[in-house]
Amino acid sequence: MEGKHKVILTDRKYLLVEGVRHVESFDDNEITLDTTMGFLTLKGEGLHITQLDLQKGNLTAEGFFASFLFQEDKGRGRVKGKNVLKRLLK
């Protein structure tokens, strides 16, 4: 599964993500995922996960998707916005 990553959004309502490792957090306005290509934060309204299969790395969700934010995985590079003090004490 490493390296395989796909995001398909249809009509800003239906989402399929392949390459999901873990769901970090979710609520009606935001879903945060750890994927094979780093962290992915999905923002919108009325968001809900309709299907999740971590063995295959697939997630489907519905709602109104307003934005996607990709961040590098901590193991692969620097995460933007990371606390400066944490970086210095690492």
Foldseek 3Di string as FASTA:
>chain_A
DQPDWDWDADPQFKIKIAFFQDWPDDDQAWTWTQGSFGIKIWGDGRKDWPDDDNVRRMTMIGDHTDDMDGFGHPVPDDGPPPDPVVVVVD
